């Protein structure tokens, strides 16, 4: 049985990091499924389609051609089966996973790691026998 996995998404700049969400799930596969959804959510928030009803038209500005296309990078990662397979292998073997993209000002990160729960029975036995 694999350990639960903690998946998190964050954004930030040089001074501040903002935690955008987390999920504690039963398996590495579920963690990656959740992270793929979060990558799409971030990409859609950063690069909404013109005419999206929740954003005023005047709020949209074209990014300079030299700026990294963070939404595209997030979408590519979410759709890349090879990247997902590598991340799944890393998590299934007990390692951590992190995917970070940066534009000129901010960074956006997706992370996952095994969530190890201490064996309380051993701790209680140690306390009782002390």
C-alpha atoms as a PDB file:
ATOM      1  CA  UNK A   1       0.000   0.000   0.000  1.00  0.00           C
ATOM      2  CA  UNK A   2       1.366   3.414  -0.916  1.00  0.00           C
ATOM      3  CA  UNK A   3       1.449   6.363   1.437  1.00  0.00           C
ATOM      4  CA  UNK A   4      -1.028   9.184   0.896  1.00  0.00           C
ATOM      5  CA  UNK A   5       0.278  12.019  -1.272  1.00  0.00           C
ATOM      6  CA  UNK A   6       0.084  15.732  -0.505  1.00  0.00           C
ATOM      7  CA  UNK A   7      -0.282  17.813  -3.674  1.00  0.00           C
ATOM      8  CA  UNK A   8      -0.018  21.605  -3.548  1.00  0.00           C
ATOM      9  CA  UNK A   9      -0.144  24.572  -5.897  1.00  0.00           C
ATOM     10  CA  UNK A  10       1.355  27.967  -5.201  1.00  0.00           C
ATOM     11  CA  UNK A  11       2.341  31.252  -6.827  1.00  0.00           C
ATOM     12  CA  UNK A  12       4.618  34.045  -5.791  1.00  0.00           C
ATOM     13  CA  UNK A  13       7.220  36.627  -6.536  1.00  0.00           C
ATOM     14  CA  UNK A  14      10.552  37.562  -4.994  1.00  0.00           C
ATOM     15  CA  UNK A  15       8.889  38.657  -1.738  1.00  0.00           C
ATOM     16  CA  UNK A  16       5.723  36.620  -1.272  1.00  0.00           C
ATOM     17  CA  UNK A  17       4.445  33.105  -1.796  1.00  0.00           C
ATOM     18  CA  UNK A  18       0.711  32.454  -1.957  1.00  0.00           C
ATOM     19  CA  UNK A  19      -0.647  28.976  -1.284  1.00  0.00           C
ATOM     20  CA  UNK A  20      -3.407  28.427  -3.841  1.00  0.00           C
ATOM     21  CA  UNK A  21      -4.609  24.992  -2.794  1.00  0.00           C
ATOM     22  CA  UNK A  22      -3.785  21.516  -1.600  1.00  0.00           C
ATOM     23  CA  UNK A  23      -5.189  18.019  -1.700  1.00  0.00           C
ATOM     24  CA  UNK A  24      -4.308  14.971   0.375  1.00  0.00           C
ATOM     25  CA  UNK A  25      -5.065  11.998  -1.838  1.00  0.00           C
ATOM     26  CA  UNK A  26      -4.663   8.243  -1.635  1.00  0.00           C
ATOM     27  CA  UNK A  27      -2.189   7.685  -4.476  1.00  0.00           C
ATOM     28  CA  UNK A  28       0.415   9.319  -6.718  1.00  0.00           C
ATOM     29  CA  UNK A  29      -1.902   8.880  -9.709  1.00  0.00           C
ATOM     30  CA  UNK A  30      -4.688  10.840  -7.977  1.00  0.00           C
ATOM     31  CA  UNK A  31      -2.201  13.549  -6.950  1.00  0.00           C
ATOM     32  CA  UNK A  32      -1.117  14.015 -10.555  1.00  0.00           C
ATOM     33  CA  UNK A  33      -4.716  14.068 -11.756  1.00  0.00           C
ATOM     34  CA  UNK A  34      -5.437  16.844  -9.258  1.00  0.00           C
ATOM     35  CA  UNK A  35      -2.270  18.753 -10.247  1.00  0.00           C
ATOM     36  CA  UNK A  36      -3.186  18.519 -13.942  1.00  0.00           C
ATOM     37  CA  UNK A  37      -6.544  20.116 -13.134  1.00  0.00           C
ATOM     38  CA  UNK A  38      -4.801  22.841 -11.147  1.00  0.00           C
ATOM     39  CA  UNK A  39      -2.383  23.506 -14.023  1.00  0.00           C
ATOM     40  CA  UNK A  40      -5.379  24.002 -16.324  1.00  0.00           C
ATOM     41  CA  UNK A  41      -7.078  26.241 -13.740  1.00  0.00           C
ATOM     42  CA  UNK A  42      -3.970  28.419 -13.428  1.00  0.00           C
ATOM     43  CA  UNK A  43      -3.499  28.574 -17.197  1.00  0.00           C
ATOM     44  CA  UNK A  44      -7.129  29.584 -17.745  1.00  0.00           C
ATOM     45  CA  UNK A  45      -6.889  32.225 -15.014  1.00  0.00           C
ATOM     46  CA  UNK A  46      -3.715  33.707 -16.467  1.00  0.00           C
ATOM     47  CA  UNK A  47      -4.833  33.490 -20.084  1.00  0.00           C
ATOM     48  CA  UNK A  48      -8.634  33.582 -20.293  1.00  0.00           C
ATOM     49  CA  UNK A  49     -10.270  33.318 -23.680  1.00  0.00           C
ATOM     50  CA  UNK A  50     -11.478  36.656 -25.074  1.00  0.00           C
ATOM     51  CA  UNK A  51     -15.133  37.146 -24.239  1.00  0.00           C
ATOM     52  CA  UNK A  52     -14.908  35.201 -20.960  1.00  0.00           C
ATOM     53  CA  UNK A  53     -17.885  36.599 -19.003  1.00  0.00           C
ATOM     54  CA  UNK A  54     -16.171  36.975 -15.626  1.00  0.00           C
ATOM     55  CA  UNK A  55     -13.417  39.327 -16.805  1.00  0.00           C
ATOM     56  CA  UNK A  56     -13.882  42.842 -18.188  1.00  0.00           C
ATOM     57  CA  UNK A  57     -12.618  43.238 -21.752  1.00  0.00           C
ATOM     58  CA  UNK A  58     -10.409  46.184 -20.743  1.00  0.00           C
ATOM     59  CA  UNK A  59      -8.575  43.995 -18.206  1.00  0.00           C
ATOM     60  CA  UNK A  60      -6.960  41.838 -20.903  1.00  0.00           C
ATOM     61  CA  UNK A  61      -3.615  42.940 -22.263  1.00  0.00           C
ATOM     62  CA  UNK A  62      -1.353  41.191 -24.727  1.00  0.00           C
ATOM     63  CA  UNK A  63       1.897  39.971 -23.208  1.00  0.00           C
ATOM     64  CA  UNK A  64       5.123  41.160 -24.803  1.00  0.00           C
ATOM     65  CA  UNK A  65       6.433  38.662 -27.390  1.00  0.00           C
ATOM     66  CA  UNK A  66       9.581  38.162 -25.307  1.00  0.00           C
ATOM     67  CA  UNK A  67       7.645  37.181 -22.152  1.00  0.00           C
ATOM     68  CA  UNK A  68       7.564  33.474 -21.250  1.00  0.00           C
ATOM     69  CA  UNK A  69       4.172  31.939 -22.033  1.00  0.00           C
ATOM     70  CA  UNK A  70       3.412  30.496 -18.599  1.00  0.00           C
ATOM     71  CA  UNK A  71      -0.159  29.417 -19.454  1.00  0.00           C
ATOM     72  CA  UNK A  72       1.125  27.474 -22.475  1.00  0.00           C
ATOM     73  CA  UNK A  73       3.836  25.825 -20.345  1.00  0.00           C
ATOM     74  CA  UNK A  74       1.236  24.772 -17.777  1.00  0.00           C
ATOM     75  CA  UNK A  75      -1.058  23.367 -20.488  1.00  0.00           C
ATOM     76  CA  UNK A  76       1.803  21.483 -22.148  1.00  0.00           C
ATOM     77  CA  UNK A  77       2.828  19.914 -18.837  1.00  0.00           C
ATOM     78  CA  UNK A  78      -0.767  18.906 -18.068  1.00  0.00           C
ATOM     79  CA  UNK A  79      -1.141  17.189 -21.454  1.00  0.00           C
ATOM     80  CA  UNK A  80       2.299  15.529 -21.671  1.00  0.00           C
ATOM     81  CA  UNK A  81       1.966  11.792 -20.963  1.00  0.00           C
ATOM     82  CA  UNK A  82       5.745  11.356 -20.774  1.00  0.00           C
ATOM     83  CA  UNK A  83       6.083  14.056 -18.102  1.00  0.00           C
ATOM     84  CA  UNK A  84       3.177  12.525 -16.194  1.00  0.00           C
ATOM     85  CA  UNK A  85       4.820   9.089 -16.355  1.00  0.00           C
ATOM     86  CA  UNK A  86       8.113  10.423 -15.000  1.00  0.00           C
ATOM     87  CA  UNK A  87       6.331  12.243 -12.180  1.00  0.00           C
ATOM     88  CA  UNK A  88       4.278   9.149 -11.361  1.00  0.00           C
ATOM     89  CA  UNK A  89       7.403   6.992 -11.220  1.00  0.00           C
ATOM     90  CA  UNK A  90       9.144   9.492  -8.934  1.00  0.00           C
ATOM     91  CA  UNK A  91       6.180   9.688  -6.551  1.00  0.00           C
ATOM     92  CA  UNK A  92       5.527   5.934  -6.578  1.00  0.00           C
ATOM     93  CA  UNK A  93       9.145   5.308  -5.573  1.00  0.00           C
ATOM     94  CA  UNK A  94       8.768   7.644  -2.573  1.00  0.00           C
ATOM     95  CA  UNK A  95      10.298  10.762  -4.124  1.00  0.00           C
ATOM     96  CA  UNK A  96       8.974  14.272  -4.479  1.00  0.00           C
ATOM     97  CA  UNK A  97       7.749  16.046  -7.593  1.00  0.00           C
ATOM     98  CA  UNK A  98       7.912  19.745  -8.429  1.00  0.00           C
ATOM     99  CA  UNK A  99       7.059  21.653 -11.596  1.00  0.00           C
ATOM    100  CA  UNK A 100       7.754  25.399 -11.573  1.00  0.00           C
ATOM    101  CA  UNK A 101       7.281  27.938 -14.349  1.00  0.00           C
ATOM    102  CA  UNK A 102       8.276  31.589 -14.262  1.00  0.00           C
ATOM    103  CA  UNK A 103       7.347  34.703 -16.135  1.00  0.00           C
ATOM    104  CA  UNK A 104       9.136  38.017 -15.713  1.00  0.00           C
ATOM    105  CA  UNK A 105       7.653  38.677 -12.276  1.00  0.00           C
ATOM    106  CA  UNK A 106       6.020  35.587 -10.762  1.00  0.00           C
ATOM    107  CA  UNK A 107       6.538  31.885 -10.407  1.00  0.00           C
ATOM    108  CA  UNK A 108       3.863  29.195 -10.337  1.00  0.00           C
ATOM    109  CA  UNK A 109       4.508  25.810  -8.786  1.00  0.00           C
ATOM    110  CA  UNK A 110       2.907  22.389  -8.623  1.00  0.00           C
ATOM    111  CA  UNK A 111       4.324  20.006  -6.037  1.00  0.00           C
ATOM    112  CA  UNK A 112       3.578  16.565  -4.656  1.00  0.00           C
ATOM    113  CA  UNK A 113       5.215  14.440  -1.986  1.00  0.00           C
ATOM    114  CA  UNK A 114       4.416  11.378   0.049  1.00  0.00           C
ATOM    115  CA  UNK A 115       2.592  12.297   3.227  1.00  0.00           C
ATOM    116  CA  UNK A 116       4.140  10.079   5.842  1.00  0.00           C
ATOM    117  CA  UNK A 117       1.964   9.489   8.870  1.00  0.00           C
ATOM    118  CA  UNK A 118       3.924   8.462  11.957  1.00  0.00           C
ATOM    119  CA  UNK A 119       3.046   5.118  13.448  1.00  0.00           C
ATOM    120  CA  UNK A 120       1.319   6.202  16.650  1.00  0.00           C
ATOM    121  CA  UNK A 121       1.343   2.660  18.026  1.00  0.00           C
ATOM    122  CA  UNK A 122       5.140   2.652  18.192  1.00  0.00           C
ATOM    123  CA  UNK A 123       5.178   6.087  19.778  1.00  0.00           C
ATOM    124  CA  UNK A 124       2.617   5.064  22.403  1.00  0.00           C
ATOM    125  CA  UNK A 125       4.567   1.882  23.189  1.00  0.00           C
ATOM    126  CA  UNK A 126       7.728   3.953  23.655  1.00  0.00           C
ATOM    127  CA  UNK A 127       5.940   6.346  25.990  1.00  0.00           C
ATOM    128  CA  UNK A 128       4.409   3.554  28.039  1.00  0.00           C
ATOM    129  CA  UNK A 129       7.668   1.657  28.447  1.00  0.00           C
ATOM    130  CA  UNK A 130       9.612   4.794  29.441  1.00  0.00           C
END
